[in-house]
Amino acid sequence: MHRDIEWVNPEDAVEPGTRSGFDEYQGALRRVREIFGGAQIEVDRLVESGDRVAALIRMHVRLHERGMDTVVGQSHLWTFREGKAIRFEWFTDLERALKALEDTSS
C-alpha cells in the first residue's frame, strides 16, 4: 500500500466518501471487520487496464449482530502507482466498477 492510499466509498454506502492516507485506510478496514468479522474474499474475475484493476469478488462474512453467515457480492477498483496500491474504490456491482475503469482509460 502507498502511504497516501485513498479508500473511496460510493454515495449510497453506509459511510460514503473518501478516506485519505494509510491510517484512515486502516481505520476503514477496522470498521468493516467490526461489522463483518473475519471476512474471506474470493475473486471471481479481474479486468485490467493500465495501472488499474477491477475485481468482482464474493465476500463470505459473519454478521456479529445477527450471528449469521452470508455472502456479499461486490466489486473493487484498485489503482497502482510504482507497484503500490494508491486508490481503492468500492462498488456494489461489477458494472459500476467497469464503467469507472472505462471512464478513466478513454
Protein backbone atom coordinates (compact mmCIF):
# COMPACT_ATOMS: atom_id res chain seq x y z
CA MET A 1 0.00 0.00 0.00
CA HIS A 2 1.14 3.50 -0.77
CA ARG A 3 1.22 5.73 2.32
CA ASP A 4 -1.14 8.16 0.53
CA ILE A 5 -3.72 5.50 -0.37
CA GLU A 6 -7.32 6.60 -0.76
CA TRP A 7 -10.38 4.50 0.16
CA VAL A 8 -13.43 5.66 -1.82
CA ASN A 9 -16.96 4.60 -0.90
CA PRO A 10 -19.90 5.35 -3.22
CA GLU A 11 -22.64 7.83 -2.32
CA ASP A 12 -25.04 5.01 -1.38
CA ALA A 13 -22.61 3.39 1.10
CA VAL A 14 -23.25 3.37 4.86
CA GLU A 15 -20.15 5.57 5.19
CA PRO A 16 -19.84 7.41 1.85
CA GLY A 17 -16.85 9.49 0.85
CA THR A 18 -13.10 9.30 0.63
CA ARG A 19 -10.59 8.46 3.32
CA SER A 20 -7.02 9.57 2.63
CA GLY A 21 -3.77 8.15 3.92
CA PHE A 22 -2.75 4.79 5.31
CA ASP A 23 -4.09 5.47 8.84
CA GLU A 24 -7.58 6.31 7.53
CA TYR A 25 -7.45 3.26 5.24
CA GLN A 26 -6.64 1.07 8.26
CA GLY A 27 -9.48 2.71 10.20
CA ALA A 28 -11.95 1.92 7.40
CA LEU A 29 -10.76 -1.71 7.39
CA ARG A 30 -11.24 -1.92 11.17
CA ARG A 31 -14.84 -0.71 10.80
CA VAL A 32 -15.50 -3.33 8.12
CA ARG A 33 -14.09 -6.04 10.40
CA GLU A 34 -16.26 -4.82 13.29
CA ILE A 35 -19.36 -5.23 11.13
CA PHE A 36 -18.41 -8.35 9.19
CA GLY A 37 -15.93 -10.15 11.43
CA GLY A 38 -13.36 -12.39 9.77
CA ALA A 39 -14.33 -11.93 6.14
CA GLN A 40 -12.91 -14.24 3.49
CA ILE A 41 -12.72 -12.90 -0.05
CA GLU A 42 -12.95 -14.94 -3.24
CA VAL A 43 -12.05 -13.25 -6.52
CA ASP A 44 -14.33 -14.30 -9.38
CA ARG A 45 -12.99 -12.05 -12.13
CA LEU A 46 -10.25 -9.47 -12.75
CA VAL A 47 -10.22 -6.86 -15.51
CA GLU A 48 -7.01 -4.91 -16.09
CA SER A 49 -6.48 -1.58 -17.80
CA GLY A 50 -3.08 0.05 -17.46
CA ASP A 51 -2.40 0.76 -13.79
CA ARG A 52 -5.96 -0.14 -12.72
CA VAL A 53 -7.63 -3.46 -11.91
CA ALA A 54 -11.35 -4.09 -11.41
CA ALA A 55 -12.19 -7.14 -9.30
CA LEU A 56 -15.51 -8.94 -8.98
CA ILE A 57 -15.49 -10.58 -5.56
CA ARG A 58 -17.56 -12.62 -3.14
CA MET A 59 -17.03 -11.77 0.50
CA HIS A 60 -18.01 -14.51 2.96
CA VAL A 61 -18.86 -12.74 6.22
CA ARG A 62 -20.33 -13.31 9.66
CA LEU A 63 -22.75 -10.64 10.81
CA HIS A 64 -21.97 -10.30 14.54
CA GLU A 65 -25.29 -8.68 15.45
CA ARG A 66 -27.34 -11.48 13.93
CA GLY A 67 -24.88 -14.34 14.37
CA MET A 68 -25.33 -15.46 10.78
CA ASP A 69 -23.05 -16.17 7.85
CA THR A 70 -23.71 -14.68 4.44
CA VAL A 71 -22.06 -13.98 1.10
CA VAL A 72 -21.86 -10.42 -0.18
CA GLY A 73 -21.10 -9.74 -3.84
CA GLN A 74 -19.26 -6.54 -4.68
CA SER A 75 -16.54 -5.06 -6.83
CA HIS A 76 -13.33 -3.25 -6.12
CA LEU A 77 -11.33 -0.97 -8.37
CA TRP A 78 -7.66 -0.68 -7.48
CA THR A 79 -5.21 1.88 -8.85
CA PHE A 80 -1.47 1.24 -8.58
CA ARG A 81 1.49 3.59 -8.69
CA GLU A 82 5.06 2.32 -8.70
CA GLY A 83 3.86 -1.16 -7.71
CA LYS A 84 1.82 0.02 -4.70
CA ALA A 85 -1.94 0.44 -4.27
CA ILE A 86 -2.71 4.17 -4.26
CA ARG A 87 -6.53 4.06 -4.55
CA PHE A 88 -9.27 1.60 -3.57
CA GLU A 89 -12.81 2.20 -4.81
CA TRP A 90 -15.70 0.08 -3.55
CA PHE A 91 -18.75 -0.70 -5.70
CA THR A 92 -21.89 -2.76 -5.16
CA ASP A 93 -21.66 -4.31 -8.63
CA LEU A 94 -19.15 -5.04 -11.37
CA GLU A 95 -20.84 -2.84 -13.98
CA ARG A 96 -20.20 0.29 -11.91
CA ALA A 97 -16.56 -0.66 -11.40
CA LEU A 98 -16.09 -1.43 -15.10
CA LYS A 99 -17.70 1.90 -16.04
CA ALA A 100 -15.28 3.72 -13.74
CA LEU A 101 -12.41 1.73 -15.25
CA GLU A 102 -13.57 2.59 -18.76
CA ASP A 103 -14.12 6.28 -17.96
CA THR A 104 -10.53 6.73 -16.82
CA SER A 105 -8.91 4.71 -19.60
CA SER A 106 -10.55 6.62 -22.50
